[in-house]
Amino acid sequence: ALILPKTDQRTATAIGERLIRTVESSPFEHDGKTHWLTISI
């Protein structure tokens, strides 16, 4: 969960979509393998 204080729907939507794009484009490595994650909000 993420609480965004003093944030209306328009700004919160923009923040949430930016987080989705950032996670989607940020893989991580473990045991020599590359893994990609996505999130739903």
PDB file of all heavy atoms in Angstrom:
ATOM      1  N   ALA A   1       0.856  -1.186   0.000  1.00  0.00           N
ATOM      2  CA  ALA A   1       0.000   0.000   0.000  1.00  0.00           C
ATOM      3  C   ALA A   1       0.891   1.236   0.000  1.00  0.00           C
ATOM      4  O   ALA A   1       1.992   1.225   0.574  1.00  0.00           O
ATOM      5  CB  ALA A   1      -0.916   0.013   1.218  1.00  0.00           C
ATOM      6  N   LEU A   2       0.395   2.291  -0.628  1.00  0.00           N
ATOM      7  CA  LEU A   2       1.142   3.543  -0.692  1.00  0.00           C
ATOM      8  C   LEU A   2       0.182   4.690  -0.391  1.00  0.00           C
ATOM      9  O   LEU A   2      -0.814   4.883  -1.101  1.00  0.00           O
ATOM     10  CB  LEU A   2       1.764   3.728  -2.083  1.00  0.00           C
ATOM     11  CG  LEU A   2       2.491   5.042  -2.347  1.00  0.00           C
ATOM     12  CD1 LEU A   2       3.647   5.230  -1.379  1.00  0.00           C
ATOM     13  CD2 LEU A   2       2.974   5.109  -3.795  1.00  0.00           C
ATOM     14  N   ILE A   3       0.455   5.422   0.683  1.00  0.00           N
ATOM     15  CA  ILE A   3      -0.342   6.594   1.037  1.00  0.00           C
ATOM     16  C   ILE A   3       0.330   7.825   0.463  1.00  0.00           C
ATOM     17  O   ILE A   3       1.530   8.061   0.687  1.00  0.00           O
ATOM     18  CB  ILE A   3      -0.474   6.732   2.565  1.00  0.00           C
ATOM     19  CG1 ILE A   3      -1.214   5.526   3.153  1.00  0.00           C
ATOM     20  CG2 ILE A   3      -1.217   8.016   2.926  1.00  0.00           C
ATOM     21  CD1 ILE A   3      -1.324   5.564   4.676  1.00  0.00           C
ATOM     22  N   LEU A   4      -0.449   8.611  -0.296  1.00  0.00           N
ATOM     23  CA  LEU A   4       0.049   9.841  -0.904  1.00  0.00           C
ATOM     24  C   LEU A   4      -0.679  11.020  -0.258  1.00  0.00           C
ATOM     25  O   LEU A   4      -1.817  11.340  -0.639  1.00  0.00           O
ATOM     26  CB  LEU A   4      -0.199   9.830  -2.414  1.00  0.00           C
ATOM     27  CG  LEU A   4       0.413   8.645  -3.186  1.00  0.00           C
ATOM     28  CD1 LEU A   4      -0.065   8.667  -4.630  1.00  0.00           C
ATOM     29  CD2 LEU A   4       1.931   8.689  -3.107  1.00  0.00           C
ATOM     30  N   PRO A   5      -0.092  11.685   0.710  1.00  0.00           N
ATOM     31  CA  PRO A   5      -0.775  12.794   1.397  1.00  0.00           C
ATOM     32  C   PRO A   5      -0.901  14.015   0.493  1.00  0.00           C
ATOM     33  O   PRO A   5      -0.072  14.261  -0.385  1.00  0.00           O
ATOM     34  CB  PRO A   5       0.128  13.075   2.596  1.00  0.00           C
ATOM     35  CG  PRO A   5       1.467  12.592   2.178  1.00  0.00           C
ATOM     36  CD  PRO A   5       1.242  11.425   1.281  1.00  0.00           C
ATOM     37  N   LYS A   6      -1.981  14.772   0.715  1.00  0.00           N
ATOM     38  CA  LYS A   6      -2.235  16.014  -0.033  1.00  0.00           C
ATOM     39  C   LYS A   6      -2.142  15.799  -1.548  1.00  0.00           C
ATOM     40  O   LYS A   6      -1.550  16.600  -2.279  1.00  0.00           O
ATOM     41  CB  LYS A   6      -1.239  17.099   0.397  1.00  0.00           C
ATOM     42  CG  LYS A   6      -1.306  17.457   1.870  1.00  0.00           C
ATOM     43  CD  LYS A   6      -0.287  18.524   2.241  1.00  0.00           C
ATOM     44  CE  LYS A   6      -0.336  18.834   3.724  1.00  0.00           C
ATOM     45  NZ  LYS A   6       0.666  19.852   4.124  1.00  0.00           N
ATOM     46  N   THR A   7      -2.720  14.678  -1.987  1.00  0.00           N
ATOM     47  CA  THR A   7      -2.618  14.306  -3.404  1.00  0.00           C
ATOM     48  C   THR A   7      -4.002  13.981  -3.950  1.00  0.00           C
ATOM     49  O   THR A   7      -4.688  13.089  -3.431  1.00  0.00           O
ATOM     50  CB  THR A   7      -1.692  13.081  -3.574  1.00  0.00           C
ATOM     51  OG1 THR A   7      -0.423  13.347  -2.971  1.00  0.00           O
ATOM     52  CG2 THR A   7      -1.496  12.747  -5.038  1.00  0.00           C
ATOM     53  N   ASP A   8      -4.415  14.699  -5.009  1.00  0.00           N
ATOM     54  CA  ASP A   8      -5.727  14.447  -5.603  1.00  0.00           C
ATOM     55  C   ASP A   8      -5.641  13.302  -6.605  1.00  0.00           C
ATOM     56  O   ASP A   8      -4.575  12.736  -6.854  1.00  0.00           O
ATOM     57  CB  ASP A   8      -6.278  15.713  -6.259  1.00  0.00           C
ATOM     58  CG  ASP A   8      -5.348  16.273  -7.338  1.00  0.00           C
ATOM     59  OD1 ASP A   8      -4.491  15.513  -7.851  1.00  0.00           O
ATOM     60  OD2 ASP A   8      -5.469  17.469  -7.662  1.00  0.00           O
ATOM     61  N   GLN A   9      -6.798  12.983  -7.221  1.00  0.00           N
ATOM     62  CA  GLN A   9      -6.864  11.822  -8.103  1.00  0.00           C
ATOM     63  C   GLN A   9      -5.965  11.976  -9.331  1.00  0.00           C
ATOM     64  O   GLN A   9      -5.289  11.028  -9.731  1.00  0.00           O
ATOM     65  CB  GLN A   9      -8.312  11.586  -8.543  1.00  0.00           C
ATOM     66  CG  GLN A   9      -8.460  10.386  -9.475  1.00  0.00           C
ATOM     67  CD  GLN A   9      -9.902  10.101  -9.816  1.00  0.00           C
ATOM     68  OE1 GLN A   9     -10.789  10.360  -9.021  1.00  0.00           O
ATOM     69  NE2 GLN A   9     -10.149   9.569 -11.011  1.00  0.00           N
ATOM     70  N   ARG A  10      -5.945  13.149  -9.909  1.00  0.00           N
ATOM     71  CA  ARG A  10      -5.139  13.351 -11.114  1.00  0.00           C
ATOM     72  C   ARG A  10      -3.662  13.121 -10.842  1.00  0.00           C
ATOM     73  O   ARG A  10      -2.972  12.409 -11.586  1.00  0.00           O
ATOM     74  CB  ARG A  10      -5.377  14.764 -11.641  1.00  0.00           C
ATOM     75  CG  ARG A  10      -4.583  15.090 -12.902  1.00  0.00           C
ATOM     76  CD  ARG A  10      -4.884  16.498 -13.354  1.00  0.00           C
ATOM     77  NE  ARG A  10      -4.085  16.864 -14.515  1.00  0.00           N
ATOM     78  CZ  ARG A  10      -4.117  18.047 -15.108  1.00  0.00           C
ATOM     79  NH1 ARG A  10      -4.942  18.993 -14.644  1.00  0.00           N
ATOM     80  NH2 ARG A  10      -3.357  18.309 -16.160  1.00  0.00           N
ATOM     81  N   THR A  11      -3.167  13.722  -9.759  1.00  0.00           N
ATOM     82  CA  THR A  11      -1.747  13.565  -9.420  1.00  0.00           C
ATOM     83  C   THR A  11      -1.441  12.135  -9.001  1.00  0.00           C
ATOM     84  O   THR A  11      -0.396  11.574  -9.387  1.00  0.00           O
ATOM     85  CB  THR A  11      -1.356  14.537  -8.286  1.00  0.00           C
ATOM     86  OG1 THR A  11      -1.682  15.866  -8.669  1.00  0.00           O
ATOM     87  CG2 THR A  11       0.120  14.434  -7.975  1.00  0.00           C
ATOM     88  N   ALA A  12      -2.328  11.525  -8.229  1.00  0.00           N
ATOM     89  CA  ALA A  12      -2.110  10.150  -7.793  1.00  0.00           C
ATOM     90  C   ALA A  12      -2.079   9.196  -8.976  1.00  0.00           C
ATOM     91  O   ALA A  12      -1.282   8.243  -9.013  1.00  0.00           O
ATOM     92  CB  ALA A  12      -3.201   9.738  -6.800  1.00  0.00           C
ATOM     93  N   THR A  13      -2.929   9.437  -9.964  1.00  0.00           N
ATOM     94  CA  THR A  13      -2.936   8.598 -11.165  1.00  0.00           C
ATOM     95  C   THR A  13      -1.613   8.716 -11.905  1.00  0.00           C
ATOM     96  O   THR A  13      -1.034   7.716 -12.350  1.00  0.00           O
ATOM     97  CB  THR A  13      -4.098   8.998 -12.088  1.00  0.00           C
ATOM     98  OG1 THR A  13      -5.342   8.825 -11.387  1.00  0.00           O
ATOM     99  CG2 THR A  13      -4.111   8.143 -13.348  1.00  0.00           C
ATOM    100  N   ALA A  14      -1.123   9.938 -12.012  1.00  0.00           N
ATOM    101  CA  ALA A  14       0.163  10.150 -12.693  1.00  0.00           C
ATOM    102  C   ALA A  14       1.300   9.458 -11.940  1.00  0.00           C
ATOM    103  O   ALA A  14       2.183   8.842 -12.550  1.00  0.00           O
ATOM    104  CB  ALA A  14       0.432  11.651 -12.834  1.00  0.00           C
ATOM    105  N   ILE A  15       1.275   9.548 -10.619  1.00  0.00           N
ATOM    106  CA  ILE A  15       2.320   8.887  -9.815  1.00  0.00           C
ATOM    107  C   ILE A  15       2.232   7.376  -9.991  1.00  0.00           C
ATOM    108  O   ILE A  15       3.245   6.686 -10.193  1.00  0.00           O
ATOM    109  CB  ILE A  15       2.177   9.273  -8.333  1.00  0.00           C
ATOM    110  CG1 ILE A  15       2.519  10.747  -8.139  1.00  0.00           C
ATOM    111  CG2 ILE A  15       3.072   8.392  -7.458  1.00  0.00           C
ATOM    112  CD1 ILE A  15       2.261  11.266  -6.737  1.00  0.00           C
ATOM    113  N   GLY A  16       1.017   6.820  -9.905  1.00  0.00           N
ATOM    114  CA  GLY A  16       0.851   5.383 -10.041  1.00  0.00           C
ATOM    115  C   GLY A  16       1.307   4.877 -11.390  1.00  0.00           C
ATOM    116  O   GLY A  16       1.992   3.841 -11.483  1.00  0.00           O
ATOM    117  N   GLU A  17       0.972   5.573 -12.471  1.00  0.00           N
ATOM    118  CA  GLU A  17       1.385   5.132 -13.802  1.00  0.00           C
ATOM    119  C   GLU A  17       2.893   5.247 -13.982  1.00  0.00           C
ATOM    120  O   GLU A  17       3.516   4.420 -14.661  1.00  0.00           O
ATOM    121  CB  GLU A  17       0.639   5.963 -14.852  1.00  0.00           C
ATOM    122  CG  GLU A  17      -0.855   5.627 -14.888  1.00  0.00           C
ATOM    123  CD  GLU A  17      -1.632   6.484 -15.872  1.00  0.00           C
ATOM    124  OE1 GLU A  17      -1.070   7.531 -16.305  1.00  0.00           O
ATOM    125  OE2 GLU A  17      -2.782   6.138 -16.193  1.00  0.00           O
ATOM    126  N   ARG A  18       3.495   6.272 -13.354  1.00  0.00           N
ATOM    127  CA  ARG A  18       4.962   6.380 -13.414  1.00  0.00           C
ATOM    128  C   ARG A  18       5.616   5.205 -12.698  1.00  0.00           C
ATOM    129  O   ARG A  18       6.615   4.644 -13.172  1.00  0.00           O
ATOM    130  CB  ARG A  18       5.414   7.697 -12.788  1.00  0.00           C
ATOM    131  CG  ARG A  18       6.934   7.914 -12.938  1.00  0.00           C
ATOM    132  CD  ARG A  18       7.397   9.209 -12.316  1.00  0.00           C
ATOM    133  NE  ARG A  18       7.482   9.133 -10.872  1.00  0.00           N
ATOM    134  CZ  ARG A  18       6.737   9.838 -10.042  1.00  0.00           C
ATOM    135  NH1 ARG A  18       5.826  10.685 -10.521  1.00  0.00           N
ATOM    136  NH2 ARG A  18       6.873   9.717  -8.743  1.00  0.00           N
ATOM    137  N   LEU A  19       5.047   4.801 -11.563  1.00  0.00           N
ATOM    138  CA  LEU A  19       5.595   3.653 -10.841  1.00  0.00           C
ATOM    139  C   LEU A  19       5.477   2.389 -11.674  1.00  0.00           C
ATOM    140  O   LEU A  19       6.402   1.550 -11.683  1.00  0.00           O
ATOM    141  CB  LEU A  19       4.865   3.486  -9.504  1.00  0.00           C
ATOM    142  CG  LEU A  19       5.036   4.609  -8.478  1.00  0.00           C
ATOM    143  CD1 LEU A  19       4.219   4.314  -7.229  1.00  0.00           C
ATOM    144  CD2 LEU A  19       6.505   4.815  -8.126  1.00  0.00           C
ATOM    145  N   ILE A  20       4.357   2.203 -12.361  1.00  0.00           N
ATOM    146  CA  ILE A  20       4.181   1.018 -13.203  1.00  0.00           C
ATOM    147  C   ILE A  20       5.261   0.966 -14.283  1.00  0.00           C
ATOM    148  O   ILE A  20       5.885  -0.081 -14.515  1.00  0.00           O
ATOM    149  CB  ILE A  20       2.769   1.013 -13.825  1.00  0.00           C
ATOM    150  CG1 ILE A  20       1.723   0.740 -12.734  1.00  0.00           C
ATOM    151  CG2 ILE A  20       2.667  -0.019 -14.948  1.00  0.00           C
ATOM    152  CD1 ILE A  20       0.293   0.888 -13.198  1.00  0.00           C
ATOM    153  N   ARG A  21       5.486   2.096 -14.932  1.00  0.00           N
ATOM    154  CA  ARG A  21       6.501   2.127 -15.997  1.00  0.00           C
ATOM    155  C   ARG A  21       7.899   1.890 -15.438  1.00  0.00           C
ATOM    156  O   ARG A  21       8.726   1.207 -16.055  1.00  0.00           O
ATOM    157  CB  ARG A  21       6.433   3.475 -16.719  1.00  0.00           C
ATOM    158  CG  ARG A  21       5.146   3.687 -17.525  1.00  0.00           C
ATOM    159  CD  ARG A  21       5.286   4.886 -18.454  1.00  0.00           C
ATOM    160  NE  ARG A  21       5.565   6.119 -17.711  1.00  0.00           N
ATOM    161  CZ  ARG A  21       4.617   6.929 -17.239  1.00  0.00           C
ATOM    162  NH1 ARG A  21       3.333   6.616 -17.393  1.00  0.00           N
ATOM    163  NH2 ARG A  21       4.948   8.041 -16.609  1.00  0.00           N
ATOM    164  N   THR A  22       8.177   2.474 -14.265  1.00  0.00           N
ATOM    165  CA  THR A  22       9.515   2.322 -13.677  1.00  0.00           C
ATOM    166  C   THR A  22       9.783   0.873 -13.297  1.00  0.00           C
ATOM    167  O   THR A  22      10.863   0.328 -13.566  1.00  0.00           O
ATOM    168  CB  THR A  22       9.651   3.224 -12.434  1.00  0.00           C
ATOM    169  OG1 THR A  22       9.413   4.576 -12.799  1.00  0.00           O
ATOM    170  CG2 THR A  22      11.041   3.093 -11.833  1.00  0.00           C
ATOM    171  N   VAL A  23       8.813   0.220 -12.665  1.00  0.00           N
ATOM    172  CA  VAL A  23       8.988  -1.184 -12.286  1.00  0.00           C
ATOM    173  C   VAL A  23       9.145  -2.055 -13.519  1.00  0.00           C
ATOM    174  O   VAL A  23      10.011  -2.946 -13.580  1.00  0.00           O
ATOM    175  CB  VAL A  23       7.788  -1.661 -11.429  1.00  0.00           C
ATOM    176  CG1 VAL A  23       7.863  -3.171 -11.201  1.00  0.00           C
ATOM    177  CG2 VAL A  23       7.745  -0.923 -10.108  1.00  0.00           C
ATOM    178  N   GLU A  24       8.351  -1.797 -14.546  1.00  0.00           N
ATOM    179  CA  GLU A  24       8.384  -2.604 -15.765  1.00  0.00           C
ATOM    180  C   GLU A  24       9.741  -2.533 -16.460  1.00  0.00           C
ATOM    181  O   GLU A  24      10.195  -3.499 -17.080  1.00  0.00           O
ATOM    182  CB  GLU A  24       7.283  -2.112 -16.709  1.00  0.00           C
ATOM    183  CG  GLU A  24       7.125  -2.929 -17.971  1.00  0.00           C
ATOM    184  CD  GLU A  24       6.022  -2.378 -18.863  1.00  0.00           C
ATOM    185  OE1 GLU A  24       5.713  -1.170 -18.737  1.00  0.00           O
ATOM    186  OE2 GLU A  24       5.479  -3.154 -19.670  1.00  0.00           O
ATOM    187  N   SER A  25      10.408  -1.403 -16.321  1.00  0.00           N
ATOM    188  CA  SER A  25      11.692  -1.201 -17.003  1.00  0.00           C
ATOM    189  C   SER A  25      12.897  -1.423 -16.087  1.00  0.00           C
ATOM    190  O   SER A  25      14.015  -1.061 -16.449  1.00  0.00           O
ATOM    191  CB  SER A  25      11.748   0.227 -17.564  1.00  0.00           C
ATOM    192  OG  SER A  25      11.660   1.187 -16.511  1.00  0.00           O
ATOM    193  N   SER A  26      12.673  -2.036 -14.908  1.00  0.00           N
ATOM    194  CA  SER A  26      13.768  -2.229 -13.938  1.00  0.00           C
ATOM    195  C   SER A  26      13.876  -3.701 -13.552  1.00  0.00           C
ATOM    196  O   SER A  26      13.307  -4.138 -12.550  1.00  0.00           O
ATOM    197  CB  SER A  26      13.532  -1.373 -12.694  1.00  0.00           C
ATOM    198  OG  SER A  26      13.378  -0.014 -13.021  1.00  0.00           O
ATOM    199  N   PRO A  27      14.591  -4.510 -14.336  1.00  0.00           N
ATOM    200  CA  PRO A  27      14.745  -5.930 -13.991  1.00  0.00           C
ATOM    201  C   PRO A  27      15.691  -6.112 -12.811  1.00  0.00           C
ATOM    202  O   PRO A  27      16.404  -5.190 -12.410  1.00  0.00           O
ATOM    203  CB  PRO A  27      15.330  -6.525 -15.264  1.00  0.00           C
ATOM    204  CG  PRO A  27      16.121  -5.394 -15.863  1.00  0.00           C
ATOM    205  CD  PRO A  27      15.325  -4.141 -15.558  1.00  0.00           C
ATOM    206  N   PHE A  28      15.697  -7.306 -12.246  1.00  0.00           N
ATOM    207  CA  PHE A  28      16.667  -7.627 -11.201  1.00  0.00           C
ATOM    208  C   PHE A  28      17.328  -8.958 -11.510  1.00  0.00           C
ATOM    209  O   PHE A  28      16.764  -9.807 -12.215  1.00  0.00           O
ATOM    210  CB  PHE A  28      16.003  -7.644  -9.820  1.00  0.00           C
ATOM    211  CG  PHE A  28      15.093  -8.825  -9.566  1.00  0.00           C
ATOM    212  CD1 PHE A  28      15.552  -9.966  -8.908  1.00  0.00           C
ATOM    213  CD2 PHE A  28      13.768  -8.803  -9.985  1.00  0.00           C
ATOM    214  CE1 PHE A  28      14.722 -11.038  -8.662  1.00  0.00           C
ATOM    215  CE2 PHE A  28      12.923  -9.874  -9.745  1.00  0.00           C
ATOM    216  CZ  PHE A  28      13.396 -11.003  -9.072  1.00  0.00           C
ATOM    217  N   GLU A  29      18.522  -9.151 -10.970  1.00  0.00           N
ATOM    218  CA  GLU A  29      19.308 -10.363 -11.206  1.00  0.00           C
ATOM    219  C   GLU A  29      19.291 -11.236  -9.959  1.00  0.00           C
ATOM    220  O   GLU A  29      19.383 -10.750  -8.836  1.00  0.00           O
ATOM    221  CB  GLU A  29      20.764  -9.994 -11.544  1.00  0.00           C
ATOM    222  CG  GLU A  29      20.929  -9.080 -12.748  1.00  0.00           C
ATOM    223  CD  GLU A  29      20.710  -9.815 -14.062  1.00  0.00           C
ATOM    224  OE1 GLU A  29      20.891 -11.050 -14.075  1.00  0.00           O
ATOM    225  OE2 GLU A  29      20.365  -9.150 -15.058  1.00  0.00           O
ATOM    226  N   HIS A  30      19.181 -12.548 -10.178  1.00  0.00           N
ATOM    227  CA  HIS A  30      19.305 -13.497  -9.069  1.00  0.00           C
ATOM    228  C   HIS A  30      19.730 -14.848  -9.617  1.00  0.00           C
ATOM    229  O   HIS A  30      19.117 -15.365 -10.565  1.00  0.00           O
ATOM    230  CB  HIS A  30      17.997 -13.637  -8.294  1.00  0.00           C
ATOM    231  CG  HIS A  30      18.132 -14.418  -7.027  1.00  0.00           C
ATOM    232  ND1 HIS A  30      17.619 -15.678  -6.859  1.00  0.00           N
ATOM    233  CD2 HIS A  30      18.775 -14.128  -5.869  1.00  0.00           C
ATOM    234  CE1 HIS A  30      17.905 -16.126  -5.653  1.00  0.00           C
ATOM    235  NE2 HIS A  30      18.616 -15.200  -5.037  1.00  0.00           N
ATOM    236  N   ASP A  31      20.787 -15.403  -9.026  1.00  0.00           N
ATOM    237  CA  ASP A  31      21.325 -16.705  -9.455  1.00  0.00           C
ATOM    238  C   ASP A  31      21.626 -16.728 -10.948  1.00  0.00           C
ATOM    239  O   ASP A  31      21.372 -17.727 -11.642  1.00  0.00           O
ATOM    240  CB  ASP A  31      20.358 -17.833  -9.103  1.00  0.00           C
ATOM    241  CG  ASP A  31      20.354 -18.159  -7.622  1.00  0.00           C
ATOM    242  OD1 ASP A  31      21.306 -17.739  -6.931  1.00  0.00           O
ATOM    243  OD2 ASP A  31      19.409 -18.820  -7.155  1.00  0.00           O
ATOM    244  N   GLY A  32      22.158 -15.608 -11.449  1.00  0.00           N
ATOM    245  CA  GLY A  32      22.564 -15.564 -12.846  1.00  0.00           C
ATOM    246  C   GLY A  32      21.434 -15.387 -13.831  1.00  0.00           C
ATOM    247  O   GLY A  32      21.655 -15.443 -15.048  1.00  0.00           O
ATOM    248  N   LYS A  33      20.222 -15.178 -13.353  1.00  0.00           N
ATOM    249  CA  LYS A  33      19.080 -14.999 -14.239  1.00  0.00           C
ATOM    250  C   LYS A  33      18.516 -13.581 -14.082  1.00  0.00           C
ATOM    251  O   LYS A  33      18.547 -13.015 -12.995  1.00  0.00           O
ATOM    252  CB  LYS A  33      17.985 -16.021 -13.940  1.00  0.00           C
ATOM    253  CG  LYS A  33      18.391 -17.468 -14.188  1.00  0.00           C
ATOM    254  CD  LYS A  33      17.214 -18.393 -13.924  1.00  0.00           C
ATOM    255  CE  LYS A  33      17.560 -19.839 -14.214  1.00  0.00           C
ATOM    256  NZ  LYS A  33      18.636 -20.350 -13.362  1.00  0.00           N
ATOM    257  N   THR A  34      17.986 -13.063 -15.174  1.00  0.00           N
ATOM    258  CA  THR A  34      17.351 -11.754 -15.163  1.00  0.00           C
ATOM    259  C   THR A  34      15.845 -11.929 -15.071  1.00  0.00           C
ATOM    260  O   THR A  34      15.247 -12.726 -15.811  1.00  0.00           O
ATOM    261  CB  THR A  34      17.694 -10.969 -16.444  1.00  0.00           C
ATOM    262  OG1 THR A  34      19.111 -10.824 -16.543  1.00  0.00           O
ATOM    263  CG2 THR A  34      17.046  -9.584 -16.415  1.00  0.00           C
ATOM    264  N   HIS A  35      15.235 -11.207 -14.149  1.00  0.00           N
ATOM    265  CA  HIS A  35      13.795 -11.320 -13.923  1.00  0.00           C
ATOM    266  C   HIS A  35      13.155  -9.942 -14.095  1.00  0.00           C
ATOM    267  O   HIS A  35      13.685  -8.930 -13.653  1.00  0.00           O
ATOM    268  CB  HIS A  35      13.502 -11.854 -12.519  1.00  0.00           C
ATOM    269  CG  HIS A  35      14.120 -13.186 -12.237  1.00  0.00           C
ATOM    270  ND1 HIS A  35      13.536 -14.379 -12.571  1.00  0.00           N
ATOM    271  CD2 HIS A  35      15.311 -13.491 -11.659  1.00  0.00           C
ATOM    272  CE1 HIS A  35      14.314 -15.375 -12.197  1.00  0.00           C
ATOM    273  NE2 HIS A  35      15.409 -14.863 -11.648  1.00  0.00           N
ATOM    274  N   TRP A  36      11.958  -9.963 -14.733  1.00  0.00           N
ATOM    275  CA  TRP A  36      11.207  -8.738 -14.963  1.00  0.00           C
ATOM    276  C   TRP A  36       9.925  -8.788 -14.156  1.00  0.00           C
ATOM    277  O   TRP A  36       9.247  -9.816 -14.101  1.00  0.00           O
ATOM    278  CB  TRP A  36      10.881  -8.571 -16.448  1.00  0.00           C
ATOM    279  CG  TRP A  36      12.113  -8.517 -17.303  1.00  0.00           C
ATOM    280  CD1 TRP A  36      12.846  -9.565 -17.767  1.00  0.00           C
ATOM    281  CD2 TRP A  36      12.744  -7.347 -17.784  1.00  0.00           C
ATOM    282  NE1 TRP A  36      13.915  -9.145 -18.514  1.00  0.00           N
ATOM    283  CE2 TRP A  36      13.880  -7.767 -18.545  1.00  0.00           C
ATOM    284  CE3 TRP A  36      12.492  -5.975 -17.667  1.00  0.00           C
ATOM    285  CZ2 TRP A  36      14.733  -6.865 -19.170  1.00  0.00           C
ATOM    286  CZ3 TRP A  36      13.333  -5.079 -18.296  1.00  0.00           C
ATOM    287  CH2 TRP A  36      14.451  -5.515 -19.042  1.00  0.00           C
ATOM    288  N   LEU A  37       9.568  -7.672 -13.543  1.00  0.00           N
ATOM    289  CA  LEU A  37       8.353  -7.590 -12.744  1.00  0.00           C
ATOM    290  C   LEU A  37       7.413  -6.551 -13.326  1.00  0.00           C
ATOM    291  O   LEU A  37       7.854  -5.566 -13.930  1.00  0.00           O
ATOM    292  CB  LEU A  37       8.674  -7.202 -11.295  1.00  0.00           C
ATOM    293  CG  LEU A  37       9.595  -8.116 -10.485  1.00  0.00           C
ATOM    294  CD1 LEU A  37       9.851  -7.500  -9.111  1.00  0.00           C
ATOM    295  CD2 LEU A  37       8.998  -9.503 -10.343  1.00  0.00           C
ATOM    296  N   THR A  38       6.134  -6.782 -13.120  1.00  0.00           N
ATOM    297  CA  THR A  38       5.132  -5.747 -13.362  1.00  0.00           C
ATOM    298  C   THR A  38       4.190  -5.703 -12.159  1.00  0.00           C
ATOM    299  O   THR A  38       4.083  -6.679 -11.411  1.00  0.00           O
ATOM    300  CB  THR A  38       4.319  -6.021 -14.641  1.00  0.00           C
ATOM    301  OG1 THR A  38       3.610  -7.266 -14.491  1.00  0.00           O
ATOM    302  CG2 THR A  38       5.216  -6.075 -15.863  1.00  0.00           C
ATOM    303  N   ILE A  39       3.515  -4.585 -11.989  1.00  0.00           N
ATOM    304  CA  ILE A  39       2.589  -4.435 -10.866  1.00  0.00           C
ATOM    305  C   ILE A  39       1.246  -3.928 -11.373  1.00  0.00           C
ATOM    306  O   ILE A  39       1.167  -3.257 -12.410  1.00  0.00           O
ATOM    307  CB  ILE A  39       3.132  -3.473  -9.789  1.00  0.00           C
ATOM    308  CG1 ILE A  39       3.396  -2.077 -10.369  1.00  0.00           C
ATOM    309  CG2 ILE A  39       4.376  -4.054  -9.129  1.00  0.00           C
ATOM    310  CD1 ILE A  39       3.811  -1.039  -9.330  1.00  0.00           C
ATOM    311  N   SER A  40       0.203  -4.281 -10.627  1.00  0.00           N
ATOM    312  CA  SER A  40      -1.139  -3.743 -10.866  1.00  0.00           C
ATOM    313  C   SER A  40      -1.527  -2.886  -9.669  1.00  0.00           C
ATOM    314  O   SER A  40      -1.230  -3.242  -8.518  1.00  0.00           O
ATOM    315  CB  SER A  40      -2.147  -4.876 -11.052  1.00  0.00           C
ATOM    316  OG  SER A  40      -1.814  -5.663 -12.177  1.00  0.00           O
ATOM    317  N   ILE A  41      -2.203  -1.761  -9.948  1.00  0.00           N
ATOM    318  CA  ILE A  41      -2.484  -0.783  -8.894  1.00  0.00           C
ATOM    319  C   ILE A  41      -3.973  -0.447  -8.874  1.00  0.00           C
ATOM    320  O   ILE A  41      -4.595  -0.247  -9.925  1.00  0.00           O
ATOM    321  CB  ILE A  41      -1.679   0.514  -9.104  1.00  0.00           C
ATOM    322  CG1 ILE A  41      -0.172   0.239  -9.056  1.00  0.00           C
ATOM    323  CG2 ILE A  41      -2.049   1.562  -8.047  1.00  0.00           C
ATOM    324  CD1 ILE A  41       0.687   1.469  -9.300  1.00  0.00           C
TER     325      ILE A  41
END
